[in-house]
């Protein structure tokens, strides 16, 4: 049975690959699992039909037969656990790869998203000039720690895993901020992720939604 995921009909990231369906697309491409995409408007996301799948009216969701999931991290872990290619076979290496999925989502992503939201919606607030450096410093601290761990390695813990997939998508949110440039090894790490054929296929598929929607306006 073909997997179905949901995605924005008109993504607010304008085809940059930041919407979280990108993570799920990439994971499915890595494991060679065919999938279909159901595109949703912001209004459709709030309708009861979608809320039965995603009570918080967000994307992506994942449907495979009788199974319905939401939260990109949970979806990717399900894909990784039931398909070869995203988690090592050795128990300890597998546990560490799972650890890095949590680190990407719980330790690295929150300060990045806080910074991103502030730069987008708080620029006209009186506290913006004082708040921005604080948020940037929080991100710099985490990037420094991550860069130290990565060192000259290609991936976070040996072979590419679901942890790297999520970490790369999280770090890509910093593109354009100048913060990654302080750590060339992290920039190279992101570039390695983007160079994977599965990533290229997923990015092209998500970009096609944006270019198609803009062409139809």
N, C-alpha and C. Protein backbone atom coordinates (compact mmCIF):
# COMPACT_ATOMS: atom_id res chain seq x y z
N UNK A 1 0.85 -1.20 0.00
CA UNK A 1 0.00 0.00 0.00
C UNK A 1 0.88 1.24 0.00
N UNK A 2 0.51 2.23 -0.80
CA UNK A 2 1.31 3.44 -0.92
C UNK A 2 1.07 4.37 0.26
N UNK A 3 2.14 4.89 0.80
CA UNK A 3 2.07 5.88 1.88
C UNK A 3 1.52 7.19 1.34
N UNK A 4 0.73 7.89 2.15
CA UNK A 4 0.25 9.23 1.82
C UNK A 4 0.69 10.18 2.91
N UNK A 5 1.30 11.29 2.51
CA UNK A 5 1.66 12.34 3.46
C UNK A 5 0.93 13.61 3.08
N UNK A 6 0.84 14.54 4.00
CA UNK A 6 0.25 15.84 3.71
C UNK A 6 1.33 16.92 3.70
N UNK A 7 1.05 17.97 2.93
CA UNK A 7 1.99 19.09 2.80
C UNK A 7 1.20 20.35 2.49
N UNK A 8 1.88 21.49 2.64
CA UNK A 8 1.26 22.77 2.30
C UNK A 8 0.98 22.85 0.80
N UNK A 9 -0.21 23.31 0.44
CA UNK A 9 -0.48 23.60 -0.97
C UNK A 9 0.33 24.82 -1.41
N UNK A 10 0.51 25.78 -0.49
CA UNK A 10 1.35 26.96 -0.73
C UNK A 10 2.22 27.18 0.49
N UNK A 11 3.42 26.68 0.42
CA UNK A 11 4.28 26.69 1.59
C UNK A 11 4.77 28.10 1.91
N UNK A 12 4.73 28.48 3.20
CA UNK A 12 5.25 29.81 3.58
C UNK A 12 6.75 29.94 3.40
N UNK A 13 7.47 28.82 3.23
CA UNK A 13 8.92 28.93 3.04
C UNK A 13 9.31 29.19 1.59
N UNK A 14 8.31 29.31 0.71
CA UNK A 14 8.53 29.68 -0.69
C UNK A 14 9.48 28.72 -1.41
N UNK A 15 9.35 27.44 -1.11
CA UNK A 15 10.13 26.44 -1.81
C UNK A 15 11.55 26.27 -1.35
N UNK A 16 11.89 26.75 -0.14
CA UNK A 16 13.26 26.66 0.35
C UNK A 16 13.57 25.32 1.01
N UNK A 17 12.59 24.47 1.17
CA UNK A 17 12.83 23.17 1.77
C UNK A 17 12.80 23.15 3.28
N UNK A 18 12.19 24.18 3.92
CA UNK A 18 12.14 24.22 5.37
C UNK A 18 10.87 23.62 5.95
N UNK A 19 9.81 23.55 5.17
CA UNK A 19 8.57 22.96 5.68
C UNK A 19 8.84 21.52 6.08
N UNK A 20 8.20 21.07 7.14
CA UNK A 20 8.58 19.80 7.75
C UNK A 20 8.18 18.57 6.95
N UNK A 21 7.36 18.72 5.93
CA UNK A 21 7.13 17.56 5.06
C UNK A 21 8.41 17.19 4.31
N UNK A 22 9.34 18.16 4.17
CA UNK A 22 10.61 17.89 3.51
C UNK A 22 11.36 16.76 4.22
N UNK A 23 11.32 16.74 5.53
CA UNK A 23 12.01 15.71 6.30
C UNK A 23 11.43 14.33 5.97
N UNK A 24 10.12 14.27 5.91
CA UNK A 24 9.45 12.99 5.66
C UNK A 24 9.69 12.55 4.22
N UNK A 25 9.62 13.48 3.29
CA UNK A 25 9.92 13.15 1.89
C UNK A 25 11.33 12.56 1.77
N UNK A 26 12.29 13.23 2.43
CA UNK A 26 13.68 12.79 2.36
C UNK A 26 13.83 11.38 2.93
N UNK A 27 13.21 11.14 4.08
CA UNK A 27 13.31 9.81 4.69
C UNK A 27 12.73 8.74 3.77
N UNK A 28 11.58 9.02 3.18
CA UNK A 28 10.97 8.04 2.27
C UNK A 28 11.84 7.80 1.04
N UNK A 29 12.46 8.86 0.55
CA UNK A 29 13.37 8.71 -0.59
C UNK A 29 14.60 7.89 -0.21
N UNK A 30 15.12 8.09 0.99
CA UNK A 30 16.30 7.35 1.44
C UNK A 30 16.03 5.85 1.50
N UNK A 31 14.84 5.48 1.91
CA UNK A 31 14.55 4.05 2.07
C UNK A 31 13.87 3.46 0.83
N UNK A 32 13.63 4.31 -0.19
CA UNK A 32 13.05 3.82 -1.43
C UNK A 32 11.58 3.47 -1.33
N UNK A 33 10.87 4.17 -0.47
CA UNK A 33 9.44 3.89 -0.27
C UNK A 33 8.60 4.86 -1.11
N UNK A 34 7.78 4.38 -2.04
CA UNK A 34 6.92 5.27 -2.82
C UNK A 34 5.90 5.97 -1.91
N UNK A 35 5.52 7.17 -2.28
CA UNK A 35 4.54 7.90 -1.48
C UNK A 35 3.74 8.85 -2.35
N UNK A 36 2.59 9.19 -1.86
CA UNK A 36 1.75 10.20 -2.48
C UNK A 36 1.62 11.37 -1.53
N UNK A 37 1.30 12.53 -2.09
CA UNK A 37 1.19 13.74 -1.28
C UNK A 37 -0.20 14.35 -1.46
N UNK A 38 -0.85 14.62 -0.34
CA UNK A 38 -2.12 15.33 -0.36
C UNK A 38 -1.86 16.77 0.07
N UNK A 39 -2.06 17.71 -0.83
CA UNK A 39 -1.77 19.11 -0.56
C UNK A 39 -2.97 19.77 0.12
N UNK A 40 -2.68 20.58 1.13
CA UNK A 40 -3.73 21.20 1.91
C UNK A 40 -3.55 22.71 1.97
N UNK A 41 -4.64 23.43 1.85
CA UNK A 41 -4.63 24.87 2.11
C UNK A 41 -4.64 25.08 3.62
N UNK A 42 -4.38 26.30 4.06
CA UNK A 42 -4.42 26.59 5.49
C UNK A 42 -5.83 26.40 6.04
N UNK A 43 -6.84 26.71 5.24
CA UNK A 43 -8.22 26.49 5.68
C UNK A 43 -8.52 25.01 5.83
N UNK A 44 -8.06 24.21 4.86
CA UNK A 44 -8.32 22.77 4.92
C UNK A 44 -7.63 22.12 6.11
N UNK A 45 -6.51 22.65 6.52
CA UNK A 45 -5.80 22.09 7.67
C UNK A 45 -6.61 22.23 8.96
N UNK A 46 -7.52 23.20 9.00
CA UNK A 46 -8.32 23.43 10.20
C UNK A 46 -9.63 22.66 10.21
N UNK A 47 -9.93 22.01 9.10
CA UNK A 47 -11.20 21.28 8.99
C UNK A 47 -11.15 19.98 9.80
N UNK A 48 -12.33 19.49 10.23
CA UNK A 48 -12.38 18.27 11.03
C UNK A 48 -11.69 17.07 10.37
N UNK A 49 -11.77 16.97 9.06
CA UNK A 49 -11.16 15.83 8.37
C UNK A 49 -9.67 15.75 8.65
N UNK A 50 -8.99 16.89 8.57
CA UNK A 50 -7.55 16.88 8.84
C UNK A 50 -7.27 16.82 10.33
N UNK A 51 -8.08 17.47 11.14
CA UNK A 51 -7.84 17.45 12.59
C UNK A 51 -7.98 16.05 13.17
N UNK A 52 -8.71 15.18 12.52
CA UNK A 52 -8.77 13.80 12.98
C UNK A 52 -7.41 13.11 12.82
N UNK A 53 -6.62 13.58 11.85
CA UNK A 53 -5.27 13.06 11.67
C UNK A 53 -4.25 13.85 12.48
N UNK A 54 -4.46 15.16 12.55
CA UNK A 54 -3.50 16.05 13.20
C UNK A 54 -4.29 17.04 14.06
N UNK A 55 -4.46 16.77 15.34
CA UNK A 55 -5.33 17.60 16.18
C UNK A 55 -4.88 19.05 16.30
N UNK A 56 -3.62 19.35 15.95
CA UNK A 56 -3.12 20.71 16.07
C UNK A 56 -3.13 21.46 14.73
N UNK A 57 -3.76 20.85 13.72
CA UNK A 57 -3.94 21.49 12.40
C UNK A 57 -2.62 21.87 11.75
N UNK A 58 -1.67 20.93 11.76
CA UNK A 58 -0.37 21.15 11.16
C UNK A 58 -0.10 20.08 10.10
N UNK A 59 0.99 20.26 9.39
CA UNK A 59 1.52 19.24 8.49
C UNK A 59 2.95 18.94 8.95
N UNK A 60 3.49 17.76 8.62
CA UNK A 60 2.91 16.71 7.79
C UNK A 60 2.14 15.69 8.63
N UNK A 61 1.33 14.89 7.95
CA UNK A 61 0.80 13.66 8.52
C UNK A 61 1.26 12.52 7.63
N UNK A 62 1.08 11.32 8.14
CA UNK A 62 1.56 10.11 7.45
C UNK A 62 0.48 9.06 7.59
N UNK A 63 0.06 8.49 6.47
CA UNK A 63 -0.95 7.43 6.49
C UNK A 63 -0.42 6.24 5.70
N UNK A 64 -0.50 5.08 6.34
CA UNK A 64 -0.08 3.83 5.72
C UNK A 64 -1.07 2.76 6.15
N UNK A 65 -2.04 2.48 5.30
CA UNK A 65 -3.09 1.56 5.69
C UNK A 65 -3.90 2.11 6.84
N UNK A 66 -3.99 1.34 7.93
CA UNK A 66 -4.76 1.78 9.09
C UNK A 66 -3.96 2.68 10.03
N UNK A 67 -2.69 2.87 9.75
CA UNK A 67 -1.83 3.67 10.62
C UNK A 67 -1.82 5.12 10.18
N UNK A 68 -2.08 6.03 11.12
CA UNK A 68 -1.98 7.47 10.86
C UNK A 68 -1.09 8.09 11.93
N UNK A 69 -0.10 8.86 11.51
CA UNK A 69 0.84 9.49 12.43
C UNK A 69 0.95 10.98 12.13
N UNK A 70 1.33 11.74 13.15
CA UNK A 70 1.74 13.12 12.95
C UNK A 70 3.02 13.36 13.75
N UNK A 71 3.61 14.53 13.60
CA UNK A 71 4.93 14.92 14.14
C UNK A 71 6.03 14.30 13.28
N UNK A 72 6.79 15.18 12.63
CA UNK A 72 7.78 14.71 11.66
C UNK A 72 8.81 13.79 12.29
N UNK A 73 9.23 14.07 13.52
CA UNK A 73 10.21 13.20 14.16
C UNK A 73 9.66 11.79 14.38
N UNK A 74 8.42 11.69 14.84
CA UNK A 74 7.80 10.39 15.06
C UNK A 74 7.63 9.64 13.75
N UNK A 75 7.24 10.37 12.71
CA UNK A 75 7.07 9.74 11.40
C UNK A 75 8.39 9.18 10.89
N UNK A 76 9.45 9.97 11.02
CA UNK A 76 10.75 9.52 10.52
C UNK A 76 11.25 8.33 11.33
N UNK A 77 11.02 8.32 12.63
CA UNK A 77 11.44 7.16 13.42
C UNK A 77 10.66 5.92 12.98
N UNK A 78 9.39 6.06 12.68
CA UNK A 78 8.61 4.91 12.21
C UNK A 78 9.17 4.41 10.87
N UNK A 79 9.44 5.33 9.98
CA UNK A 79 10.01 4.93 8.68
C UNK A 79 11.35 4.23 8.89
N UNK A 80 12.19 4.79 9.75
CA UNK A 80 13.52 4.23 9.98
C UNK A 80 13.46 2.85 10.62
N UNK A 81 12.51 2.65 11.50
CA UNK A 81 12.42 1.38 12.20
C UNK A 81 11.85 0.26 11.33
N UNK A 82 11.14 0.61 10.27
CA UNK A 82 10.48 -0.40 9.45
C UNK A 82 11.07 -0.52 8.05
N UNK A 83 12.15 0.22 7.80
CA UNK A 83 12.81 0.15 6.49
C UNK A 83 14.31 0.27 6.71
N UNK A 84 15.08 -0.43 5.92
CA UNK A 84 16.53 -0.38 6.05
C UNK A 84 17.06 0.94 5.48
N UNK A 85 18.13 1.44 6.10
CA UNK A 85 18.83 2.58 5.54
C UNK A 85 18.98 3.79 6.43
N UNK A 86 18.18 3.89 7.51
CA UNK A 86 18.24 5.08 8.35
C UNK A 86 18.64 4.81 9.80
N UNK A 87 18.74 3.54 10.16
CA UNK A 87 19.20 3.19 11.50
C UNK A 87 20.17 2.02 11.39
N UNK A 88 21.28 2.07 12.14
CA UNK A 88 22.23 0.95 12.12
C UNK A 88 21.59 -0.32 12.69
N UNK A 89 22.15 -1.46 12.33
CA UNK A 89 21.68 -2.73 12.87
C UNK A 89 22.22 -2.99 14.27
N UNK A 90 23.46 -2.59 14.53
CA UNK A 90 24.07 -2.83 15.84
C UNK A 90 23.29 -2.08 16.92
N UNK A 91 22.90 -2.75 18.00
CA UNK A 91 22.02 -2.13 19.01
C UNK A 91 22.54 -0.82 19.58
N UNK A 92 23.82 -0.75 19.94
CA UNK A 92 24.32 0.47 20.56
C UNK A 92 24.39 1.62 19.54
N UNK A 93 24.83 1.32 18.32
CA UNK A 93 24.86 2.35 17.28
C UNK A 93 23.45 2.82 16.96
N UNK A 94 22.50 1.90 16.96
CA UNK A 94 21.10 2.25 16.70
C UNK A 94 20.58 3.18 17.79
N UNK A 95 20.90 2.86 19.04
CA UNK A 95 20.47 3.72 20.15
C UNK A 95 21.06 5.12 20.03
N UNK A 96 22.32 5.20 19.61
CA UNK A 96 22.95 6.52 19.47
C UNK A 96 22.31 7.30 18.32
N UNK A 97 21.98 6.63 17.23
CA UNK A 97 21.31 7.32 16.11
C UNK A 97 19.97 7.88 16.56
N UNK A 98 19.24 7.11 17.34
CA UNK A 98 17.96 7.60 17.88
C UNK A 98 18.20 8.78 18.81
N UNK A 99 19.26 8.70 19.61
CA UNK A 99 19.62 9.82 20.48
C UNK A 99 19.81 11.10 19.68
N UNK A 100 20.46 11.01 18.53
CA UNK A 100 20.72 12.21 17.74
C UNK A 100 19.46 12.76 17.09
N UNK A 101 18.46 11.91 16.86
CA UNK A 101 17.18 12.47 16.37
C UNK A 101 16.56 13.36 17.44
N UNK A 102 16.65 12.92 18.69
CA UNK A 102 16.12 13.74 19.79
C UNK A 102 16.95 15.00 19.97
N UNK A 103 18.26 14.88 19.84
CA UNK A 103 19.11 16.07 19.99
C UNK A 103 18.78 17.12 18.93
N UNK A 104 18.55 16.67 17.70
CA UNK A 104 18.22 17.61 16.63
C UNK A 104 16.94 18.36 16.94
N UNK A 105 15.93 17.64 17.41
CA UNK A 105 14.61 18.24 17.60
C UNK A 105 14.45 18.94 18.95
N UNK A 106 15.13 18.46 19.97
CA UNK A 106 14.92 18.99 21.31
C UNK A 106 15.98 19.96 21.79
N UNK A 107 17.21 19.84 21.25
CA UNK A 107 18.31 20.68 21.72
C UNK A 107 18.71 21.73 20.69
N UNK A 108 18.82 21.34 19.43
CA UNK A 108 19.31 22.27 18.41
C UNK A 108 18.17 23.09 17.78
N UNK A 109 17.06 22.46 17.49
CA UNK A 109 16.00 23.18 16.77
C UNK A 109 15.31 24.29 17.58
N UNK A 110 14.98 24.12 18.86
CA UNK A 110 14.23 25.16 19.56
C UNK A 110 14.86 26.55 19.53
N UNK A 111 16.16 26.72 19.84
CA UNK A 111 16.71 28.08 19.77
C UNK A 111 16.76 28.62 18.34
N UNK A 112 16.91 27.74 17.36
CA UNK A 112 16.91 28.19 15.97
C UNK A 112 15.54 28.70 15.57
N UNK A 113 14.50 27.98 15.95
CA UNK A 113 13.13 28.40 15.62
C UNK A 113 12.78 29.69 16.37
N UNK A 114 13.21 29.81 17.63
CA UNK A 114 12.97 31.05 18.37
C UNK A 114 13.59 32.25 17.64
N UNK A 115 14.81 32.08 17.17
CA UNK A 115 15.48 33.14 16.42
C UNK A 115 14.74 33.44 15.12
N UNK A 116 14.36 32.40 14.42
CA UNK A 116 13.67 32.56 13.14
C UNK A 116 12.36 33.32 13.31
N UNK A 117 11.57 32.94 14.31
CA UNK A 117 10.28 33.60 14.54
C UNK A 117 10.48 35.06 14.90
N UNK A 118 11.46 35.32 15.75
CA UNK A 118 11.73 36.71 16.14
C UNK A 118 12.12 37.55 14.93
N UNK A 119 12.96 37.02 14.06
CA UNK A 119 13.41 37.78 12.90
C UNK A 119 12.28 38.02 11.90
N UNK A 120 11.27 37.14 11.91
CA UNK A 120 10.18 37.28 10.95
C UNK A 120 9.07 38.19 11.47
N UNK A 121 8.67 37.99 12.73
CA UNK A 121 7.44 38.66 13.19
C UNK A 121 7.66 39.71 14.28
N UNK A 122 8.88 39.87 14.78
CA UNK A 122 9.08 40.82 15.88
C UNK A 122 9.99 41.99 15.52
N UNK A 123 10.27 42.17 14.27
CA UNK A 123 11.20 43.23 13.86
C UNK A 123 10.71 44.63 14.26
N UNK A 124 9.40 44.81 14.32
CA UNK A 124 8.86 46.14 14.64
C UNK A 124 8.59 46.32 16.13
N UNK A 125 8.98 45.35 16.95
CA UNK A 125 8.73 45.43 18.38
C UNK A 125 9.84 46.22 19.07
N UNK A 126 9.50 46.93 20.14
CA UNK A 126 10.53 47.75 20.81
C UNK A 126 11.65 46.92 21.44
N UNK A 127 11.37 45.67 21.72
CA UNK A 127 12.39 44.83 22.35
C UNK A 127 13.28 44.09 21.35
N UNK A 128 13.02 44.23 20.07
CA UNK A 128 13.71 43.43 19.06
C UNK A 128 15.23 43.59 19.13
N UNK A 129 15.70 44.83 19.18
CA UNK A 129 17.15 45.08 19.14
C UNK A 129 17.86 44.47 20.34
N UNK A 130 17.19 44.41 21.48
CA UNK A 130 17.79 43.83 22.67
C UNK A 130 17.67 42.31 22.67
N UNK A 131 16.57 41.80 22.16
CA UNK A 131 16.31 40.36 22.19
C UNK A 131 17.13 39.59 21.16
N UNK A 132 17.35 40.19 19.99
CA UNK A 132 18.00 39.48 18.91
C UNK A 132 19.39 38.95 19.29
N UNK A 133 20.29 39.77 19.85
CA UNK A 133 21.62 39.24 20.20
C UNK A 133 21.56 38.09 21.19
N UNK A 134 20.61 38.13 22.12
CA UNK A 134 20.47 37.05 23.09
C UNK A 134 20.11 35.74 22.38
N UNK A 135 19.17 35.80 21.44
CA UNK A 135 18.77 34.61 20.71
C UNK A 135 19.90 34.09 19.82
N UNK A 136 20.62 35.02 19.20
CA UNK A 136 21.76 34.62 18.37
C UNK A 136 22.83 33.93 19.20
N UNK A 137 23.07 34.42 20.40
CA UNK A 137 24.08 33.81 21.27
C UNK A 137 23.66 32.40 21.69
N UNK A 138 22.37 32.19 21.93
CA UNK A 138 21.90 30.84 22.28
C UNK A 138 22.17 29.88 21.13
N UNK A 139 21.92 30.33 19.91
CA UNK A 139 22.18 29.48 18.75
C UNK A 139 23.68 29.23 18.61
N UNK A 140 24.49 30.29 18.77
CA UNK A 140 25.94 30.14 18.64
C UNK A 140 26.49 29.12 19.64
N UNK A 141 25.96 29.15 20.85
CA UNK A 141 26.41 28.19 21.86
C UNK A 141 26.16 26.76 21.40
N UNK A 142 24.95 26.49 20.94
CA UNK A 142 24.62 25.13 20.49
C UNK A 142 25.42 24.74 19.26
N UNK A 143 25.62 25.67 18.34
CA UNK A 143 26.40 25.36 17.14
C UNK A 143 27.84 25.04 17.51
N UNK A 144 28.39 25.77 18.45
CA UNK A 144 29.76 25.51 18.88
C UNK A 144 29.90 24.13 19.47
N UNK A 145 28.94 23.75 20.30
CA UNK A 145 28.97 22.43 20.92
C UNK A 145 28.83 21.32 19.87
N UNK A 146 27.92 21.54 18.92
CA UNK A 146 27.72 20.55 17.87
C UNK A 146 28.95 20.44 16.98
N UNK A 147 29.54 21.58 16.64
CA UNK A 147 30.73 21.57 15.79
C UNK A 147 31.88 20.84 16.47
N UNK A 148 32.01 21.03 17.77
CA UNK A 148 33.07 20.34 18.51
C UNK A 148 32.87 18.83 18.46
N UNK A 149 31.63 18.40 18.62
CA UNK A 149 31.36 16.95 18.55
C UNK A 149 31.64 16.41 17.15
N UNK A 150 31.18 17.11 16.14
CA UNK A 150 31.34 16.61 14.77
C UNK A 150 32.81 16.54 14.37
N UNK A 151 33.58 17.55 14.75
CA UNK A 151 34.99 17.57 14.39
C UNK A 151 35.18 17.45 12.90
N UNK A 152 36.03 16.50 12.48
CA UNK A 152 36.25 16.30 11.04
C UNK A 152 35.49 15.08 10.52
N UNK A 153 34.49 14.64 11.26
CA UNK A 153 33.68 13.50 10.82
C UNK A 153 32.71 13.90 9.72
N UNK A 154 32.32 12.91 8.95
CA UNK A 154 31.31 13.16 7.91
C UNK A 154 29.92 13.26 8.51
N UNK A 155 29.63 12.37 9.47
CA UNK A 155 28.29 12.31 10.07
C UNK A 155 28.42 12.28 11.58
N UNK A 156 27.32 12.35 12.28
CA UNK A 156 27.33 12.52 13.72
C UNK A 156 27.86 11.31 14.47
N UNK A 157 27.62 10.11 13.93
CA UNK A 157 28.06 8.90 14.64
C UNK A 157 28.29 7.79 13.63
N UNK A 158 29.36 7.87 12.90
CA UNK A 158 29.64 6.85 11.90
C UNK A 158 28.87 7.08 10.61
N UNK A 159 28.05 6.11 10.22
CA UNK A 159 27.31 6.21 8.96
C UNK A 159 26.13 7.17 9.07
N UNK A 160 25.70 7.67 7.92
CA UNK A 160 24.51 8.53 7.85
C UNK A 160 23.32 7.81 8.47
N UNK A 161 22.52 8.56 9.23
CA UNK A 161 21.36 7.96 9.89
C UNK A 161 20.21 8.96 9.95
N UNK A 162 19.11 8.51 10.54
CA UNK A 162 17.96 9.40 10.75
C UNK A 162 18.35 10.62 11.58
N UNK A 163 19.32 10.46 12.49
CA UNK A 163 19.79 11.59 13.27
C UNK A 163 20.40 12.66 12.40
N UNK A 164 21.19 12.26 11.41
CA UNK A 164 21.78 13.23 10.49
C UNK A 164 20.71 13.86 9.61
N UNK A 165 19.77 13.07 9.15
CA UNK A 165 18.70 13.61 8.31
C UNK A 165 17.99 14.75 9.02
N UNK A 166 17.63 14.52 10.27
CA UNK A 166 16.92 15.57 11.02
C UNK A 166 17.84 16.73 11.34
N UNK A 167 19.09 16.45 11.70
CA UNK A 167 20.00 17.54 12.05
C UNK A 167 20.27 18.44 10.86
N UNK A 168 20.45 17.87 9.69
CA UNK A 168 20.69 18.69 8.50
C UNK A 168 19.48 19.58 8.21
N UNK A 169 18.28 19.02 8.30
CA UNK A 169 17.10 19.85 8.02
C UNK A 169 16.96 20.97 9.05
N UNK A 170 17.34 20.70 10.29
CA UNK A 170 17.28 21.74 11.32
C UNK A 170 18.31 22.83 11.03
N UNK A 171 19.54 22.45 10.74
CA UNK A 171 20.60 23.44 10.49
C UNK A 171 20.33 24.27 9.25
N UNK A 172 19.65 23.70 8.27
CA UNK A 172 19.34 24.45 7.05
C UNK A 172 18.48 25.68 7.35
N UNK A 173 17.78 25.67 8.45
CA UNK A 173 16.96 26.83 8.81
C UNK A 173 17.81 28.06 9.09
N UNK A 174 19.11 27.88 9.27
CA UNK A 174 20.01 29.00 9.54
C UNK A 174 20.58 29.61 8.26
N UNK A 175 20.27 29.03 7.12
CA UNK A 175 20.78 29.58 5.86
C UNK A 175 20.32 31.02 5.72
N UNK A 176 21.28 31.90 5.45
CA UNK A 176 20.95 33.32 5.30
C UNK A 176 21.16 34.13 6.55
N UNK A 177 21.38 33.48 7.70
CA UNK A 177 21.60 34.22 8.94
C UNK A 177 23.07 34.55 9.18
N UNK A 178 23.99 33.84 8.51
CA UNK A 178 25.41 34.04 8.72
C UNK A 178 25.99 33.25 9.88
N UNK A 179 25.14 32.53 10.63
CA UNK A 179 25.62 31.85 11.83
C UNK A 179 26.38 30.56 11.53
N UNK A 180 26.03 29.89 10.46
CA UNK A 180 26.74 28.66 10.13
C UNK A 180 28.17 28.92 9.67
N UNK A 181 28.40 30.10 9.14
CA UNK A 181 29.73 30.41 8.60
C UNK A 181 30.83 30.39 9.67
N UNK A 182 30.44 30.52 10.95
CA UNK A 182 31.43 30.46 12.03
C UNK A 182 32.00 29.06 12.21
N UNK A 183 31.34 28.07 11.61
CA UNK A 183 31.75 26.67 11.80
C UNK A 183 31.77 25.98 10.43
N UNK A 184 32.90 26.07 9.73
CA UNK A 184 32.98 25.47 8.39
C UNK A 184 32.64 23.98 8.37
N UNK A 185 32.94 23.27 9.44
CA UNK A 185 32.63 21.83 9.42
C UNK A 185 31.12 21.59 9.43
N UNK A 186 30.35 22.49 10.07
CA UNK A 186 28.90 22.34 10.03
C UNK A 186 28.35 22.71 8.66
N UNK A 187 28.93 23.73 8.03
CA UNK A 187 28.51 24.07 6.67
C UNK A 187 28.77 22.92 5.71
N UNK A 188 29.93 22.28 5.86
CA UNK A 188 30.26 21.15 5.01
C UNK A 188 29.35 19.96 5.30
N UNK A 189 28.99 19.80 6.56
CA UNK A 189 28.08 18.73 6.97
C UNK A 189 26.72 18.89 6.30
N UNK A 190 26.18 20.10 6.34
CA UNK A 190 24.90 20.38 5.68
C UNK A 190 25.02 20.12 4.18
N UNK A 191 26.12 20.56 3.58
CA UNK A 191 26.31 20.36 2.14
C UNK A 191 26.36 18.88 1.79
N UNK A 192 26.96 18.05 2.66
CA UNK A 192 26.97 16.61 2.40
C UNK A 192 25.56 16.04 2.41
N UNK A 193 24.75 16.51 3.34
CA UNK A 193 23.37 16.05 3.36
C UNK A 193 22.62 16.46 2.11
N UNK A 194 22.81 17.70 1.69
CA UNK A 194 22.12 18.20 0.49
C UNK A 194 22.59 17.50 -0.78
N UNK A 195 23.80 16.94 -0.74
CA UNK A 195 24.36 16.27 -1.92
C UNK A 195 23.84 14.84 -2.08
N UNK A 196 23.15 14.33 -1.08
CA UNK A 196 22.63 12.97 -1.20
C UNK A 196 21.51 12.93 -2.25
N UNK A 197 21.53 11.93 -3.13
CA UNK A 197 20.50 11.86 -4.18
C UNK A 197 19.08 11.85 -3.63
N UNK A 198 18.87 11.19 -2.50
CA UNK A 198 17.53 11.15 -1.92
C UNK A 198 17.08 12.54 -1.49
N UNK A 199 18.02 13.34 -0.95
CA UNK A 199 17.68 14.72 -0.59
C UNK A 199 17.30 15.51 -1.83
N UNK A 200 18.07 15.37 -2.90
CA UNK A 200 17.80 16.12 -4.13
C UNK A 200 16.42 15.79 -4.68
N UNK A 201 16.04 14.52 -4.64
CA UNK A 201 14.72 14.13 -5.14
C UNK A 201 13.61 14.73 -4.27
N UNK A 202 13.80 14.69 -2.95
CA UNK A 202 12.80 15.23 -2.05
C UNK A 202 12.67 16.74 -2.21
N UNK A 203 13.81 17.43 -2.32
CA UNK A 203 13.78 18.88 -2.47
C UNK A 203 13.09 19.27 -3.78
N UNK A 204 13.41 18.56 -4.86
CA UNK A 204 12.79 18.87 -6.15
C UNK A 204 11.28 18.67 -6.10
N UNK A 205 10.85 17.61 -5.40
CA UNK A 205 9.42 17.35 -5.30
C UNK A 205 8.71 18.44 -4.51
N UNK A 206 9.33 18.88 -3.42
CA UNK A 206 8.70 19.95 -2.63
C UNK A 206 8.73 21.27 -3.39
N UNK A 207 9.84 21.57 -4.05
CA UNK A 207 9.94 22.81 -4.82
C UNK A 207 8.92 22.85 -5.94
N UNK A 208 8.64 21.70 -6.56
CA UNK A 208 7.67 21.66 -7.65
C UNK A 208 6.28 22.08 -7.18
N UNK A 209 5.95 21.82 -5.93
CA UNK A 209 4.66 22.26 -5.40
C UNK A 209 4.60 23.77 -5.37
N UNK A 210 5.70 24.40 -4.90
CA UNK A 210 5.72 25.86 -4.82
C UNK A 210 5.70 26.50 -6.20
N UNK A 211 6.54 26.01 -7.10
CA UNK A 211 6.60 26.62 -8.44
C UNK A 211 5.30 26.39 -9.18
N UNK A 212 4.65 25.25 -8.96
CA UNK A 212 3.37 25.01 -9.59
C UNK A 212 2.29 25.91 -9.06
N UNK A 213 2.32 26.16 -7.73
CA UNK A 213 1.28 27.01 -7.13
C UNK A 213 1.47 28.46 -7.54
N UNK A 214 2.75 28.91 -7.66
CA UNK A 214 2.96 30.30 -8.08
C UNK A 214 2.58 30.49 -9.53
N UNK A 215 2.82 29.47 -10.36
CA UNK A 215 2.49 29.58 -11.77
C UNK A 215 1.00 29.65 -12.00
N UNK A 216 0.22 29.08 -11.04
CA UNK A 216 -1.22 29.05 -11.22
C UNK A 216 -1.92 30.25 -10.64
N UNK A 217 -1.19 31.14 -10.01
CA UNK A 217 -1.83 32.31 -9.39
C UNK A 217 -2.31 33.29 -10.47
